[in-house]
Amino acid sequence: MDGNKRQNVKQGIHVMIVQKHDQLTGKLTEGTVESILTNSSTHPHGIKVRLVDGTVGRVKQILP
């Protein structure tokens, strides 16, 4: 599923995100979405979210 579209990202789903300081390396962090921080319907680098543990990043993968 596409992490660039806000309609695909919901609270409680399991995702892989890239944090700001990991953008150059592409290291992904796994977690559950607590809140959606991007207001627009799409974003080319991924929808920005806050995970349950407080980590903020952009959605790269939506996990089943």
Protein backbone atom coordinates (compact mmCIF):
# COMPACT_ATOMS: atom_id res chain seq x y z
CA MET A 1 0.00 0.00 0.00
CA ASP A 2 1.14 3.54 -0.73
CA GLY A 3 2.54 5.52 2.23
CA ASN A 4 2.41 8.71 0.16
CA LYS A 5 -1.41 8.96 0.36
CA ARG A 6 -3.04 10.12 3.59
CA GLN A 7 -6.15 8.01 2.94
CA ASN A 8 -4.04 4.82 3.30
CA VAL A 9 -2.57 5.84 6.68
CA LYS A 10 -4.81 5.33 9.73
CA GLN A 11 -4.31 5.36 13.47
CA GLY A 12 -3.38 1.93 14.79
CA ILE A 13 -1.87 0.49 11.61
CA HIS A 14 1.58 -1.09 11.57
CA VAL A 15 4.13 0.80 9.44
CA MET A 16 7.81 1.25 8.62
CA ILE A 17 8.97 4.86 8.79
CA VAL A 18 12.19 6.74 8.07
CA GLN A 19 13.20 9.27 10.70
CA LYS A 20 14.71 12.63 9.69
CA HIS A 21 18.24 11.70 10.81
CA ASP A 22 18.01 8.36 8.94
CA GLN A 23 16.97 9.78 5.56
CA LEU A 24 20.46 9.53 4.06
CA THR A 25 20.99 5.92 5.16
CA GLY A 26 17.39 4.84 4.55
CA LYS A 27 17.22 3.01 7.90
CA LEU A 28 13.60 2.13 8.68
CA THR A 29 11.88 2.04 12.06
CA GLU A 30 8.88 -0.21 12.71
CA GLY A 31 5.91 0.84 14.81
CA THR A 32 2.21 1.57 15.21
CA VAL A 33 0.71 4.91 14.15
CA GLU A 34 -0.52 7.07 17.02
CA SER A 35 -1.29 10.24 15.04
CA ILE A 36 -0.99 11.63 11.52
CA LEU A 37 0.98 14.88 11.29
CA THR A 38 0.68 15.65 7.55
CA ASN A 39 -2.42 17.68 6.67
CA SER A 40 -2.27 17.37 2.87
CA SER A 41 -3.81 14.39 1.05
CA THR A 42 -0.46 13.31 -0.45
CA HIS A 43 3.24 13.89 0.11
CA PRO A 44 6.04 12.76 -2.25
CA HIS A 45 8.32 11.59 0.60
CA GLY A 46 5.59 9.88 2.65
CA ILE A 47 2.96 10.94 5.15
CA LYS A 48 4.51 12.16 8.41
CA VAL A 49 3.28 10.29 11.50
CA ARG A 50 4.00 9.92 15.21
CA LEU A 51 4.30 6.35 16.45
CA VAL A 52 2.97 5.08 19.79
CA ASP A 53 6.50 5.30 21.25
CA GLY A 54 6.78 8.99 20.23
CA THR A 55 9.02 8.50 17.19
CA VAL A 56 8.26 10.84 14.27
CA GLY A 57 8.95 10.02 10.65
CA ARG A 58 7.58 9.52 7.17
CA VAL A 59 5.74 6.33 6.16
CA LYS A 60 7.73 4.22 3.70
CA GLN A 61 5.83 0.93 4.04
CA ILE A 62 2.46 -0.10 5.36
CA LEU A 63 2.68 -3.57 6.89
CA PRO A 64 -0.14 -6.15 6.93
